[in-house]
């Protein structure tokens, strides 16, 4: 049976509070909404969110922002080290007004790492309060998208996406998947564009990137990651990684 965590209780953040925790594989975070904003960020592993009925993935280097009063739940299939930042409602006025995936800056990561290293859960000194304000400013400035790796409940497309997420090294082409599903390549391609707003190959590369980020954080060698993700050589994997992130796996590490 998966672990189930109780609803987070306590006073609202004043003005910001932080939580860094390790969670075992199979942990379930029950659905809830809270009157403050949340920034959710995976240090190691990938967390899967259900946010107002929409599925989001939260991999390392990308954070999920939840405005106040957003109904959400989550679970993780593998071990997870996770940071959550709680921001009081008054400070959320200039932040995104809908759930968003954010690309977080090195400065934001450094502030979170500093608070975690000093075991700061709620800033109290003048210096820490200034850092907290910088962190809120960085959330405001972070480039975002609605969902980095969208999903589909379509009876033809959904099973294909689930299989690729479970095995990101799968090498079957779109036409081969179409034959497996008893449909045509054109139909499956059209459903990708209609449901995901992405081509099949672009979605699959994003899925590989999500898997790669977790493996990089876990310290796996680049050659081994490339092989696990279905690349015949590390150069092809590095080229994909650089195209999607603007940096190499080694620099990201």
Protein backbone atom coordinates (compact mmCIF):
# COMPACT_ATOMS: atom_id res chain seq x y z
CA UNK A 1 0.00 0.00 0.00
CA UNK A 2 1.37 3.47 -0.79
CA UNK A 3 2.11 5.86 2.04
CA UNK A 4 -0.51 8.55 2.58
CA UNK A 5 0.44 11.85 4.11
CA UNK A 6 -1.93 13.88 6.28
CA UNK A 7 -3.08 17.32 5.26
CA UNK A 8 -0.47 19.93 6.11
CA UNK A 9 -1.72 21.83 9.13
CA UNK A 10 -0.51 24.94 10.90
CA UNK A 11 -0.45 28.68 10.47
CA UNK A 12 -0.02 30.23 7.03
CA UNK A 13 3.49 31.36 6.01
CA UNK A 14 4.53 34.71 7.38
CA UNK A 15 5.58 35.80 4.82
CA UNK A 16 7.35 32.71 3.39
CA UNK A 17 8.16 29.25 4.74
CA UNK A 18 10.15 26.30 3.41
CA UNK A 19 10.04 22.53 3.61
CA UNK A 20 12.66 20.07 2.29
CA UNK A 21 11.79 16.39 2.72
CA UNK A 22 12.66 12.89 1.48
CA UNK A 23 9.70 10.75 0.39
CA UNK A 24 9.70 7.02 -0.32
CA UNK A 25 8.49 5.63 -3.64
CA UNK A 26 4.70 5.26 -3.67
CA UNK A 27 3.97 8.23 -1.39
CA UNK A 28 0.54 9.79 -1.98
CA UNK A 29 -0.13 13.44 -1.18
CA UNK A 30 -3.93 13.76 -0.71
CA UNK A 31 -5.86 16.40 -2.61
CA UNK A 32 -6.14 19.72 -0.82
CA UNK A 33 -6.22 23.46 -1.38
CA UNK A 34 -4.60 26.10 0.81
CA UNK A 35 -5.04 29.87 1.12
CA UNK A 36 -1.42 30.56 0.17
CA UNK A 37 0.78 29.97 -2.87
CA UNK A 38 3.15 27.04 -3.27
CA UNK A 39 6.31 26.52 -5.28
CA UNK A 40 7.08 22.80 -5.62
CA UNK A 41 10.55 21.73 -6.74
CA UNK A 42 12.15 18.27 -7.03
CA UNK A 43 15.81 18.02 -6.04
CA UNK A 44 15.96 14.31 -6.92
CA UNK A 45 13.21 12.29 -8.60
CA UNK A 46 9.98 13.21 -10.36
CA UNK A 47 6.64 13.97 -8.68
CA UNK A 48 3.33 13.62 -10.53
CA UNK A 49 0.60 16.16 -9.74
CA UNK A 50 -3.13 16.27 -10.35
CA UNK A 51 -3.93 19.99 -10.37
CA UNK A 52 -7.62 20.74 -10.79
CA UNK A 53 -7.98 17.60 -12.90
CA UNK A 54 -4.90 18.29 -15.08
CA UNK A 55 -1.81 16.08 -14.88
CA UNK A 56 1.59 17.75 -14.35
CA UNK A 57 5.07 16.27 -13.96
CA UNK A 58 7.55 17.97 -11.66
CA UNK A 59 11.14 16.99 -12.61
CA UNK A 60 14.39 18.50 -11.29
CA UNK A 61 15.20 21.99 -12.59
CA UNK A 62 11.52 22.75 -13.26
CA UNK A 63 9.20 23.93 -10.48
CA UNK A 64 5.42 23.90 -10.28
CA UNK A 65 3.74 27.07 -9.06
CA UNK A 66 0.30 26.79 -7.43
CA UNK A 67 -1.62 30.03 -6.76
CA UNK A 68 -3.65 30.26 -3.53
CA UNK A 69 -6.78 28.08 -3.31
CA UNK A 70 -5.61 25.67 -6.04
CA UNK A 71 -6.93 22.12 -5.53
CA UNK A 72 -4.12 19.62 -6.03
CA UNK A 73 -2.84 16.20 -5.11
CA UNK A 74 0.34 14.31 -5.99
CA UNK A 75 2.24 11.04 -5.85
CA UNK A 76 5.71 9.77 -6.71
CA UNK A 77 6.62 6.42 -8.27
CA UNK A 78 10.26 6.57 -7.14
CA UNK A 79 12.17 7.97 -4.17
CA UNK A 80 11.97 11.73 -4.04
CA UNK A 81 13.72 14.64 -2.38
CA UNK A 82 11.43 17.63 -2.60
CA UNK A 83 11.32 21.31 -1.69
CA UNK A 84 8.09 23.22 -1.12
CA UNK A 85 7.97 26.99 -0.64
CA UNK A 86 4.80 28.48 0.88
CA UNK A 87 4.10 32.13 0.03
CA UNK A 88 1.45 34.14 1.86
CA UNK A 89 -1.46 35.42 -0.22
CA UNK A 90 -0.41 39.10 0.00
CA UNK A 91 2.90 38.31 -1.75
CA UNK A 92 1.19 36.34 -4.54
CA UNK A 93 -0.35 39.38 -6.22
CA UNK A 94 2.48 39.70 -8.75
CA UNK A 95 3.02 35.96 -9.22
CA UNK A 96 1.36 33.73 -11.86
CA UNK A 97 -2.42 33.58 -11.37
CA UNK A 98 -2.76 30.01 -12.69
CA UNK A 99 -0.81 26.76 -12.18
CA UNK A 100 2.44 26.96 -14.12
CA UNK A 101 5.62 25.04 -14.80
CA UNK A 102 8.58 27.35 -14.17
CA UNK A 103 12.22 27.09 -15.20
CA UNK A 104 14.01 28.08 -12.01
CA UNK A 105 17.17 30.16 -11.90
CA UNK A 106 20.51 29.25 -10.28
CA UNK A 107 19.92 32.09 -7.80
CA UNK A 108 16.56 30.65 -6.69
CA UNK A 109 18.16 27.21 -6.28
CA UNK A 110 21.03 28.71 -4.29
CA UNK A 111 18.67 30.49 -1.87
CA UNK A 112 16.68 27.29 -1.31
CA UNK A 113 19.90 25.30 -0.79
CA UNK A 114 21.14 27.89 1.70
CA UNK A 115 17.91 27.77 3.73
CA UNK A 116 17.95 23.95 3.68
CA UNK A 117 21.61 23.81 4.78
CA UNK A 118 20.86 26.12 7.72
CA UNK A 119 17.59 24.34 8.50
CA UNK A 120 15.58 27.54 8.00
CA UNK A 121 11.88 26.75 7.67
CA UNK A 122 10.64 30.31 8.24
CA UNK A 123 12.94 33.34 7.83
CA UNK A 124 13.10 35.58 10.88
CA UNK A 125 16.26 37.69 10.69
CA UNK A 126 16.41 40.81 8.55
CA UNK A 127 18.98 39.12 6.30
CA UNK A 128 16.86 35.99 5.77
CA UNK A 129 13.73 38.03 5.13
CA UNK A 130 15.62 39.89 2.38
CA UNK A 131 16.63 36.55 0.86
CA UNK A 132 13.01 35.42 1.00
CA UNK A 133 11.94 38.54 -0.90
CA UNK A 134 14.59 37.87 -3.55
CA UNK A 135 13.23 34.34 -3.84
CA UNK A 136 9.71 35.67 -4.41
CA UNK A 137 11.10 38.06 -7.05
CA UNK A 138 12.79 35.10 -8.77
CA UNK A 139 9.48 33.22 -8.90
CA UNK A 140 7.94 36.26 -10.55
CA UNK A 141 10.75 36.46 -13.14
CA UNK A 142 10.95 32.73 -13.91
CA UNK A 143 9.97 31.82 -17.50
CA UNK A 144 7.09 29.38 -17.53
CA UNK A 145 4.72 27.23 -19.51
CA UNK A 146 1.37 25.73 -18.62
CA UNK A 147 2.65 22.13 -18.60
CA UNK A 148 6.05 20.87 -19.69
CA UNK A 149 4.94 17.30 -20.42
CA UNK A 150 1.17 17.26 -21.12
CA UNK A 151 -0.80 14.01 -21.11
CA UNK A 152 -3.91 12.68 -22.81
CA UNK A 153 -6.78 10.42 -21.77
CA UNK A 154 -7.48 9.59 -25.42
CA UNK A 155 -8.03 5.80 -25.70
CA UNK A 156 -5.52 5.54 -28.55
CA UNK A 157 -2.90 8.08 -27.50
CA UNK A 158 -3.02 7.72 -23.70
CA UNK A 159 -1.70 4.12 -23.55
CA UNK A 160 1.15 5.01 -25.92
CA UNK A 161 2.24 7.95 -23.76
CA UNK A 162 2.01 5.85 -20.59
CA UNK A 163 4.18 3.14 -22.14
CA UNK A 164 6.79 5.67 -23.29
CA UNK A 165 6.91 7.30 -19.88
CA UNK A 166 7.37 3.90 -18.22
CA UNK A 167 10.15 2.99 -20.70
CA UNK A 168 11.73 6.18 -22.09
CA UNK A 169 14.30 4.05 -23.92
CA UNK A 170 11.60 2.56 -26.19
CA UNK A 171 12.61 2.91 -29.86
CA UNK A 172 9.33 2.09 -31.62
CA UNK A 173 8.37 4.65 -34.25
CA UNK A 174 5.02 6.42 -34.44
CA UNK A 175 3.96 4.12 -37.29
CA UNK A 176 4.83 1.06 -35.21
CA UNK A 177 2.83 2.37 -32.27
CA UNK A 178 -0.08 3.09 -34.59
CA UNK A 179 -0.06 -0.51 -35.80
CA UNK A 180 0.00 -1.73 -32.19
CA UNK A 181 -3.03 0.42 -31.40
CA UNK A 182 -4.91 -0.65 -34.53
CA UNK A 183 -4.95 2.81 -36.08
CA UNK A 184 -3.02 4.85 -38.62
CA UNK A 185 0.09 6.96 -38.18
CA UNK A 186 -1.81 9.99 -39.44
CA UNK A 187 -4.58 9.54 -36.84
CA UNK A 188 -2.12 9.15 -33.96
CA UNK A 189 -0.08 12.12 -35.17
CA UNK A 190 -3.19 14.30 -35.38
CA UNK A 191 -4.25 13.34 -31.86
CA UNK A 192 -0.81 14.30 -30.56
CA UNK A 193 -1.17 17.78 -32.03
CA UNK A 194 -4.81 18.18 -30.96
CA UNK A 195 -4.42 16.86 -27.39
CA UNK A 196 -0.83 17.80 -26.53
CA UNK A 197 -0.01 20.73 -28.80
CA UNK A 198 3.22 18.86 -29.60
CA UNK A 199 4.41 16.42 -32.22
CA UNK A 200 4.95 12.81 -31.19
CA UNK A 201 8.75 13.17 -31.44
CA UNK A 202 8.81 16.42 -29.44
CA UNK A 203 6.72 14.85 -26.65
CA UNK A 204 8.98 11.80 -26.59
CA UNK A 205 12.12 13.95 -26.37
CA UNK A 206 10.63 15.91 -23.47
CA UNK A 207 9.80 12.61 -21.75
CA UNK A 208 13.41 11.49 -22.23
CA UNK A 209 14.63 14.79 -20.81
CA UNK A 210 12.47 14.38 -17.69
CA UNK A 211 13.95 10.91 -17.17
CA UNK A 212 17.47 12.19 -17.89
CA UNK A 213 17.25 14.98 -15.31
CA UNK A 214 16.50 12.49 -12.54
CA UNK A 215 19.34 10.18 -13.67
CA UNK A 216 21.77 13.10 -13.81
CA UNK A 217 20.79 14.17 -10.29
CA UNK A 218 21.33 10.56 -9.15
CA UNK A 219 24.91 10.70 -10.50
CA UNK A 220 24.68 8.21 -13.37
CA UNK A 221 27.37 8.53 -16.10
CA UNK A 222 26.26 10.25 -19.30
CA UNK A 223 27.05 7.21 -21.47
CA UNK A 224 24.88 5.01 -19.25
CA UNK A 225 22.02 7.53 -19.30
CA UNK A 226 22.19 7.71 -23.11
CA UNK A 227 21.97 3.92 -23.36
CA UNK A 228 19.04 3.72 -20.92
CA UNK A 229 17.16 6.31 -22.94
CA UNK A 230 17.56 4.43 -26.22
CA UNK A 231 20.38 6.44 -27.82
CA UNK A 232 23.01 4.53 -29.80
CA UNK A 233 25.72 6.92 -28.60
CA UNK A 234 26.22 9.65 -26.04
CA UNK A 235 26.66 12.37 -28.67
CA UNK A 236 23.08 12.05 -29.90
CA UNK A 237 21.79 12.23 -26.33
CA UNK A 238 23.95 15.27 -25.53
CA UNK A 239 22.70 17.05 -28.67
CA UNK A 240 19.05 16.47 -27.63
CA UNK A 241 19.79 17.59 -24.08
CA UNK A 242 21.55 20.76 -25.23
CA UNK A 243 18.72 21.62 -27.64
CA UNK A 244 16.08 21.38 -24.90
CA UNK A 245 18.02 22.91 -22.00
CA UNK A 246 20.69 25.13 -23.57
CA UNK A 247 23.46 23.28 -21.71
CA UNK A 248 25.14 19.87 -21.61
CA UNK A 249 24.38 17.06 -19.12
CA UNK A 250 27.83 17.54 -17.55
CA UNK A 251 27.29 21.28 -17.08
CA UNK A 252 23.82 20.64 -15.70
CA UNK A 253 25.25 18.27 -13.13
